[in-house]
Amino acid sequence: MLESYVDPAQDPVLARALSGTLRDEWRPAADAMASARSWDRRAYVVLTLAAAAARRDVWLTNWREAKPGDRDAAAVHAAMVALQAS
């Protein structure tokens, strides 16, 4: 499973998102996804958030309920399911 620690000095947006997942807050994760413009960055953010969701998914469930059809939430969810299956 992927590590879900991110150095806040190196990546404050993603570190904030991971901290938010521990408090069941989905908006920081949505912000991190929205900030991921390149494919490499997007893949990294998706997989990092998916690893966090595989451990605790309340925030992801809340995001998907608050924003049905959100493609970013769907991408994180799909990656989480794939991680859990492996």
Protein backbone atom coordinates (compact mmCIF):
# COMPACT_ATOMS: atom_id res chain seq x y z
CA MET A 1 0.00 0.00 0.00
CA LEU A 2 1.18 3.52 -0.70
CA GLU A 3 2.45 5.73 2.09
CA SER A 4 0.12 8.58 2.90
CA TYR A 5 2.64 10.89 4.52
CA VAL A 6 3.51 14.03 2.63
CA ASP A 7 6.00 16.61 3.87
CA PRO A 8 4.02 19.83 4.44
CA ALA A 9 7.04 21.92 3.48
CA GLN A 10 7.35 20.12 0.14
CA ASP A 11 3.64 19.80 -0.71
CA PRO A 12 1.38 21.91 1.53
CA VAL A 13 -1.77 21.39 -0.55
CA LEU A 14 -1.61 17.61 -0.45
CA ALA A 15 -0.47 17.57 3.18
CA ARG A 16 -3.51 19.70 4.08
CA ALA A 17 -5.73 17.26 2.16
CA LEU A 18 -4.34 14.28 4.05
CA SER A 19 -4.81 16.05 7.37
CA GLY A 20 -8.38 16.77 6.35
CA THR A 21 -9.06 13.10 5.67
CA LEU A 22 -8.26 12.36 9.32
CA ARG A 23 -11.00 14.80 10.32
CA ASP A 24 -13.43 13.45 7.67
CA GLU A 25 -13.15 16.69 5.67
CA TRP A 26 -13.37 16.23 1.91
CA ARG A 27 -12.93 19.82 0.69
CA PRO A 28 -9.12 19.90 1.12
CA ALA A 29 -8.94 16.71 -0.98
CA ALA A 30 -11.14 18.31 -3.62
CA ASP A 31 -8.85 21.35 -3.61
CA ALA A 32 -5.79 19.13 -4.03
CA MET A 33 -7.40 17.39 -6.98
CA ALA A 34 -8.40 20.71 -8.54
CA SER A 35 -4.81 21.93 -8.25
CA ALA A 36 -3.42 18.86 -10.03
CA ARG A 37 -3.03 20.10 -13.58
CA SER A 38 -0.41 17.77 -15.08
CA TRP A 39 -1.11 14.07 -15.56
CA ASP A 40 1.84 13.08 -13.39
CA ARG A 41 0.69 15.30 -10.55
CA ARG A 42 -2.91 14.14 -10.91
CA ALA A 43 -1.88 10.48 -10.75
CA TYR A 44 0.21 11.16 -7.64
CA VAL A 45 -2.60 13.02 -5.88
CA VAL A 46 -5.22 10.42 -6.84
CA LEU A 47 -3.11 7.52 -5.58
CA THR A 48 -2.09 9.30 -2.39
CA LEU A 49 -5.70 10.17 -1.56
CA ALA A 50 -6.84 6.66 -2.54
CA ALA A 51 -4.35 5.18 -0.08
CA ALA A 52 -5.74 7.45 2.63
CA ALA A 53 -9.30 6.45 1.71
CA ALA A 54 -8.39 2.77 1.84
CA ARG A 55 -7.57 3.30 5.52
CA ARG A 56 -10.52 5.57 6.32
CA ASP A 57 -13.13 6.45 3.71
CA VAL A 58 -15.70 8.55 5.60
CA TRP A 59 -14.40 11.75 3.98
CA LEU A 60 -14.60 10.19 0.51
CA THR A 61 -18.14 8.95 1.11
CA ASN A 62 -19.10 12.44 2.30
CA TRP A 63 -17.53 13.98 -0.82
CA ARG A 64 -19.37 11.62 -3.14
CA GLU A 65 -22.67 12.32 -1.34
CA ALA A 66 -22.13 16.09 -1.36
CA LYS A 67 -21.05 16.17 -5.02
CA PRO A 68 -22.67 13.28 -6.91
CA GLY A 69 -21.04 12.85 -10.29
CA ASP A 70 -17.84 14.67 -9.29
CA ARG A 71 -15.16 13.20 -11.54
CA ASP A 72 -12.34 13.85 -9.10
CA ALA A 73 -14.14 12.02 -6.30
CA ALA A 74 -14.92 9.19 -8.72
CA ALA A 75 -11.24 8.92 -9.70
CA VAL A 76 -10.14 8.70 -6.06
CA HIS A 77 -12.87 6.15 -5.35
CA ALA A 78 -11.90 3.98 -8.33
CA ALA A 79 -8.23 4.07 -7.31
CA MET A 80 -9.17 3.17 -3.74
CA VAL A 81 -11.16 0.15 -4.94
CA ALA A 82 -8.22 -0.93 -7.12
CA LEU A 83 -5.80 -0.61 -4.19
CA GLN A 84 -8.07 -2.64 -1.97
CA ALA A 85 -8.35 -5.36 -4.61
CA SER A 86 -4.59 -5.71 -4.97
